[in-house]
Amino acid sequence: MSMKTDTTYRIKGGRIGVLLIHGLCGTPTEMRFVAHGLARAGYTVHCPTLAGHGGTMDDIKATSWQDWMQSAEAALDELRKECDVVICGGLSTGAVLSLMLAAEHPDKVQGTVLMAPTLWLNGWLIPWYARLFRIISNKWLANFISFPDLEPHGIKDNRIREFIRNALFSGDSSVAGLPATPGGAVLEHRRLVNALKRKLTGIAQPALVIHPREDDYADLKNAWYLQRKLKGMVDMVVLDDSYHIVTVDRQRHVVVERTLGFLNRLAEQVKAPARPAAPATLRTTAA
């Protein structure tokens, strides 16, 4: 039986909005630290729950990438009711969805913030035999396979990793998501990426890419690919002390600081009304 929990949350601020999209089999909780950092600077922030998330493995198996996209589009439309300018950002698969929003709705999205964007699962933690999954194209068959969330769970900081590990196996997926990703969801991610790749060269909005050098799930090549293919300006930040979940790991303060810098510059460029007040000084030391 489905026990889905909608963990969507919103923080009201000025007329510049930021849509933050969580990763595959994740939850909005993984965006909370960044969301509050941006909100303190005066931005309106929305963090939606994607379709099929916050529940069981069966819930996520029953969804497609189009369902996730519809969730993101609904959140974008809601945010546009409050804001004149919207920047879409996300973690991992959330970053891919942010780019799809920019491609499909260039009139509604003025920029993107891509945190550990994941086009391919090719980080140092991914076993070689996972490549064999590429030959599977049938979702029914794919769902007989699952990809467990392996140690170190995308977290370099030992203290935070222990918290995430306990949450993953607590039975409450509304906090840290599911302890494994069904193969059907991985297949849908592949289909999403294939759809996006056909649109990349037409995405003209400026982008900030924040990617860890030691990403255990998605190699830095993901970020360099986007840097080459995107039509608009791309600002690259390579983190040197984080794994995949950059929004909660050791350099989460750096993620907030660099995102704020990008948002403030973008606000100047688009001459947005009611620009937020200057952000408070943020710590950039490791947690």
Protein backbone atom coordinates (compact mmCIF):
# COMPACT_ATOMS: atom_id res chain seq x y z
CA MET A 1 0.00 0.00 0.00
CA SER A 2 1.26 3.47 -0.87
CA MET A 3 2.23 5.69 2.05
CA LYS A 4 3.43 8.66 0.01
CA THR A 5 4.35 11.82 1.90
CA ASP A 6 4.39 15.18 0.16
CA THR A 7 7.42 16.96 1.62
CA THR A 8 7.11 19.98 -0.67
CA TYR A 9 7.94 23.25 1.07
CA ARG A 10 7.99 26.93 0.13
CA ILE A 11 9.74 29.96 1.59
CA LYS A 12 8.28 33.32 0.59
CA GLY A 13 10.63 36.16 -0.29
CA GLY A 14 11.00 38.75 -3.04
CA ARG A 15 9.97 38.81 -6.69
CA ILE A 16 12.93 36.67 -7.76
CA GLY A 17 12.23 32.98 -7.31
CA VAL A 18 14.34 29.84 -7.19
CA LEU A 19 12.90 26.42 -7.95
CA LEU A 20 15.03 23.66 -6.37
CA ILE A 21 14.43 20.08 -7.55
CA HIS A 22 15.65 17.05 -5.62
CA GLY A 23 17.36 14.00 -7.10
CA LEU A 24 16.07 10.62 -8.23
CA CYS A 25 14.58 8.66 -5.29
CA GLY A 26 15.46 11.63 -3.08
CA THR A 27 13.30 14.21 -1.29
CA PRO A 28 13.15 18.00 -0.94
CA THR A 29 14.94 17.58 2.39
CA GLU A 30 18.25 17.28 0.52
CA MET A 31 17.67 20.84 -0.78
CA ARG A 32 16.73 22.36 2.58
CA PHE A 33 20.13 23.81 3.55
CA VAL A 34 20.55 25.54 0.19
CA ALA A 35 16.92 26.70 0.19
CA HIS A 36 17.25 28.40 3.55
CA GLY A 37 20.55 29.99 2.54
CA LEU A 38 18.90 31.57 -0.51
CA ALA A 39 15.79 32.55 1.42
CA ARG A 40 17.87 34.44 3.99
CA ALA A 41 19.11 36.60 1.11
CA GLY A 42 15.56 37.54 0.13
CA TYR A 43 14.74 35.02 -2.59
CA THR A 44 11.45 33.15 -2.83
CA VAL A 45 12.23 29.41 -2.86
CA HIS A 46 10.03 26.44 -3.80
CA CYS A 47 11.13 22.81 -3.32
CA PRO A 48 8.56 20.43 -4.84
CA THR A 49 8.18 16.69 -4.35
CA LEU A 50 8.44 14.88 -7.68
CA ALA A 51 5.74 12.42 -8.74
CA GLY A 52 6.16 8.98 -7.18
CA HIS A 53 8.64 10.20 -4.57
CA GLY A 54 8.24 10.21 -0.79
CA GLY A 55 6.66 6.75 -0.83
CA THR A 56 7.50 3.15 -1.68
CA MET A 57 9.49 1.43 -4.42
CA ASP A 58 6.20 0.64 -6.15
CA ASP A 59 5.29 4.33 -6.18
CA ILE A 60 8.45 5.31 -8.04
CA LYS A 61 8.18 2.30 -10.36
CA ALA A 62 4.74 3.50 -11.45
CA THR A 63 6.04 6.87 -12.72
CA SER A 64 7.82 7.99 -15.88
CA TRP A 65 10.18 10.87 -16.50
CA GLN A 66 7.26 12.73 -18.03
CA ASP A 67 5.48 12.47 -14.67
CA TRP A 68 8.52 13.96 -12.92
CA MET A 69 8.60 16.70 -15.54
CA GLN A 70 4.92 17.49 -14.97
CA SER A 71 5.62 17.89 -11.25
CA ALA A 72 8.44 20.31 -12.03
CA GLU A 73 6.30 22.26 -14.52
CA ALA A 74 3.45 22.58 -12.02
CA ALA A 75 5.89 23.93 -9.42
CA LEU A 76 7.34 26.35 -11.97
CA ASP A 77 3.89 27.69 -12.86
CA GLU A 78 3.07 28.13 -9.17
CA LEU A 79 6.31 30.02 -8.54
CA ARG A 80 5.74 32.26 -11.57
CA LYS A 81 2.53 33.50 -9.94
CA GLU A 82 4.66 35.09 -7.21
CA CYS A 83 7.85 35.98 -9.08
CA ASP A 84 8.85 38.00 -12.14
CA VAL A 85 12.11 36.11 -12.57
CA VAL A 86 12.68 32.40 -11.90
CA ILE A 87 15.91 30.41 -11.79
CA CYS A 88 15.58 26.62 -11.84
CA GLY A 89 18.10 24.52 -9.99
CA GLY A 90 18.46 20.95 -8.91
CA LEU A 91 20.65 18.14 -7.67
CA SER A 92 21.63 15.22 -9.91
CA THR A 93 18.48 14.23 -11.83
CA GLY A 94 16.93 17.45 -10.50
CA ALA A 95 19.57 19.35 -12.47
CA VAL A 96 18.57 17.47 -15.63
CA LEU A 97 14.92 18.39 -15.05
CA SER A 98 15.94 22.02 -14.51
CA LEU A 99 17.56 22.04 -17.95
CA MET A 100 14.44 20.51 -19.47
CA LEU A 101 12.38 23.30 -17.93
CA ALA A 102 14.76 25.87 -19.42
CA ALA A 103 14.50 24.20 -22.83
CA GLU A 104 10.72 23.82 -22.82
CA HIS A 105 9.85 27.14 -21.13
CA PRO A 106 12.48 29.75 -22.05
CA ASP A 107 9.97 32.52 -21.31
CA LYS A 108 9.52 31.30 -17.72
CA VAL A 109 13.10 30.29 -16.81
CA GLN A 110 15.84 32.94 -16.72
CA GLY A 111 18.72 30.73 -15.59
CA THR A 112 19.73 27.35 -14.17
CA VAL A 113 21.81 26.13 -11.24
CA LEU A 114 23.06 22.59 -11.86
CA MET A 115 24.41 20.77 -8.79
CA ALA A 116 26.24 17.54 -9.57
CA PRO A 117 24.27 17.16 -12.83
CA THR A 118 23.95 13.49 -13.74
CA LEU A 119 23.68 12.49 -17.37
CA TRP A 120 25.53 9.22 -16.87
CA LEU A 121 26.16 7.08 -13.79
CA ASN A 122 29.93 6.90 -14.22
CA GLY A 123 31.41 7.91 -10.86
CA TRP A 124 34.11 5.96 -9.05
CA LEU A 125 31.55 4.04 -6.94
CA ILE A 126 29.60 2.65 -9.91
CA PRO A 127 30.67 -0.99 -10.61
CA TRP A 128 31.78 -1.89 -14.13
CA TYR A 129 28.95 -4.37 -14.61
CA ALA A 130 26.39 -1.57 -14.21
CA ARG A 131 27.23 -0.67 -17.80
CA LEU A 132 25.45 -3.85 -18.90
CA PHE A 133 22.19 -2.22 -17.82
CA ARG A 134 22.46 -0.03 -20.91
CA ILE A 135 21.30 -2.90 -23.09
CA ILE A 136 17.96 -3.08 -21.22
CA SER A 137 15.24 -0.98 -22.82
CA ASN A 138 12.10 -2.66 -21.46
CA LYS A 139 10.79 -1.12 -18.25
CA TRP A 140 9.05 -4.29 -17.04
CA LEU A 141 12.36 -6.12 -17.26
CA ALA A 142 14.31 -3.21 -15.81
CA ASN A 143 12.18 -3.26 -12.66
CA PHE A 144 13.51 -6.71 -11.77
CA ILE A 145 16.83 -4.97 -11.11
CA SER A 146 17.56 -2.49 -8.34
CA PHE A 147 20.53 -0.26 -7.60
CA PRO A 148 21.22 -0.06 -3.83
CA ASP A 149 22.38 3.21 -2.29
CA LEU A 150 25.93 2.12 -1.47
CA GLU A 151 28.39 3.39 1.12
CA PRO A 152 29.40 6.27 1.27
CA HIS A 153 25.91 7.32 0.06
CA GLY A 154 27.22 10.34 -1.83
CA ILE A 155 28.50 11.94 1.39
CA LYS A 156 32.16 12.53 2.26
CA ASP A 157 31.56 13.93 5.76
CA ASN A 158 31.41 11.03 8.23
CA ARG A 159 28.98 12.66 10.65
CA ILE A 160 26.49 13.65 7.95
CA ARG A 161 26.88 10.25 6.26
CA GLU A 162 25.86 8.49 9.47
CA PHE A 163 22.72 10.63 9.67
CA ILE A 164 21.84 9.89 6.04
CA ARG A 165 22.50 6.16 6.48
CA ASN A 166 20.17 5.99 9.49
CA ALA A 167 17.47 7.93 7.62
CA LEU A 168 17.75 5.75 4.51
CA PHE A 169 17.09 2.55 6.43
CA SER A 170 14.56 3.99 8.89
CA GLY A 171 11.59 2.98 6.74
CA ASP A 172 10.53 6.62 6.33
CA SER A 173 11.42 7.61 2.75
CA SER A 174 10.15 11.17 3.27
CA VAL A 175 13.44 12.15 4.95
CA ALA A 176 16.31 10.75 2.86
CA GLY A 177 14.51 8.87 0.10
CA LEU A 178 14.70 5.20 -0.75
CA PRO A 179 17.66 2.91 0.11
CA ALA A 180 17.65 1.58 -3.48
CA THR A 181 16.66 2.83 -6.92
CA PRO A 182 14.54 0.50 -9.06
CA GLY A 183 15.91 -0.26 -12.50
CA GLY A 184 12.78 1.17 -14.09
CA ALA A 185 13.56 4.57 -12.61
CA VAL A 186 17.14 4.36 -13.88
CA LEU A 187 15.76 3.54 -17.33
CA GLU A 188 13.40 6.53 -17.13
CA HIS A 189 16.37 8.71 -16.17
CA ARG A 190 18.17 7.49 -19.30
CA ARG A 191 15.13 8.37 -21.41
CA LEU A 192 15.01 11.82 -19.81
CA VAL A 193 18.68 12.40 -20.59
CA ASN A 194 18.24 11.28 -24.19
CA ALA A 195 15.36 13.74 -24.59
CA LEU A 196 17.44 16.54 -23.05
CA LYS A 197 20.53 15.91 -25.17
CA ARG A 198 18.53 16.76 -28.30
CA LYS A 199 17.74 20.18 -26.80
CA LEU A 200 21.00 21.19 -25.09
CA THR A 201 22.45 23.32 -27.87
CA GLY A 202 19.30 25.45 -27.89
CA ILE A 203 19.38 26.33 -24.17
CA ALA A 204 20.55 29.93 -24.10
CA GLN A 205 19.90 30.85 -20.46
CA PRO A 206 23.01 31.32 -18.29
CA ALA A 207 23.93 28.35 -16.14
CA LEU A 208 25.92 27.73 -12.99
CA VAL A 209 27.38 24.21 -12.78
CA ILE A 210 28.64 23.03 -9.38
CA HIS A 211 30.24 19.60 -9.50
CA PRO A 212 32.53 17.70 -7.10
CA ARG A 213 35.84 16.44 -8.46
CA GLU A 214 35.43 13.23 -6.43
CA ASP A 215 31.79 12.55 -7.34
CA ASP A 216 31.08 8.91 -6.48
CA TYR A 217 28.00 8.67 -8.76
CA ALA A 218 28.57 11.05 -11.67
CA ASP A 219 32.05 11.78 -12.98
CA LEU A 220 33.14 15.36 -13.62
CA LYS A 221 32.82 14.56 -17.34
CA ASN A 222 29.07 15.16 -16.90
CA ALA A 223 29.72 18.81 -16.07
CA TRP A 224 32.27 19.32 -18.84
CA TYR A 225 29.84 17.87 -21.38
CA LEU A 226 27.22 20.43 -20.38
CA GLN A 227 29.79 23.22 -20.45
CA ARG A 228 30.58 22.35 -24.07
CA LYS A 229 27.02 21.80 -25.27
CA LEU A 230 24.96 24.55 -23.65
CA LYS A 231 24.41 27.60 -25.83
CA GLY A 232 24.43 30.18 -23.05
CA MET A 233 27.09 31.35 -20.61
CA VAL A 234 28.26 28.61 -18.23
CA ASP A 235 29.95 29.33 -14.91
CA MET A 236 31.79 26.25 -13.60
CA VAL A 237 32.62 25.53 -9.97
CA VAL A 238 34.56 22.36 -9.12
CA LEU A 239 34.38 21.34 -5.47
CA ASP A 240 37.44 19.66 -3.95
CA ASP A 241 36.03 18.25 -0.70
CA SER A 242 32.60 16.78 -1.46
CA TYR A 243 30.99 13.71 -2.94
CA HIS A 244 27.76 13.60 -4.97
CA ILE A 245 25.21 15.13 -2.55
CA VAL A 246 26.82 18.57 -2.58
CA THR A 247 23.79 20.23 -0.99
CA VAL A 248 24.44 18.57 2.37
CA ASP A 249 28.12 17.57 2.27
CA ARG A 250 31.18 19.39 3.59
CA GLN A 251 31.10 22.24 1.08
CA ARG A 252 27.40 23.00 1.25
CA HIS A 253 28.27 26.53 2.40
CA VAL A 254 30.30 27.02 -0.77
CA VAL A 255 27.31 25.82 -2.82
CA VAL A 256 25.13 28.48 -1.20
CA GLU A 257 27.75 31.21 -1.57
CA ARG A 258 28.43 30.56 -5.25
CA THR A 259 24.72 30.18 -6.01
CA LEU A 260 23.99 33.53 -4.38
CA GLY A 261 26.74 35.17 -6.40
CA PHE A 262 25.27 33.76 -9.61
CA LEU A 263 21.72 34.82 -8.70
CA ASN A 264 22.78 38.36 -7.80
CA ARG A 265 24.66 38.79 -11.09
CA LEU A 266 21.73 37.40 -13.04
CA ALA A 267 19.34 39.76 -11.27
CA GLU A 268 21.49 42.66 -12.43
CA GLN A 269 21.57 41.39 -16.02
CA VAL A 270 17.82 40.95 -16.36
CA LYS A 271 17.16 44.19 -14.44
CA ALA A 272 14.69 42.37 -12.25
CA PRO A 273 12.44 44.48 -10.03
CA ALA A 274 12.75 44.35 -6.26
CA ARG A 275 16.21 42.81 -6.22
CA PRO A 276 16.86 41.05 -2.90
CA ALA A 277 19.04 42.63 -0.29
CA ALA A 278 22.75 41.74 -0.29
CA PRO A 279 23.31 38.33 1.33
CA ALA A 280 24.85 38.00 4.73
CA THR A 281 28.41 36.74 4.93
CA LEU A 282 28.46 32.96 4.69
CA ARG A 283 30.97 30.52 6.13
CA THR A 284 32.92 28.63 3.48
CA THR A 285 34.85 26.33 5.77
CA ALA A 286 34.22 22.59 5.86
CA ALA A 287 31.52 21.37 8.20
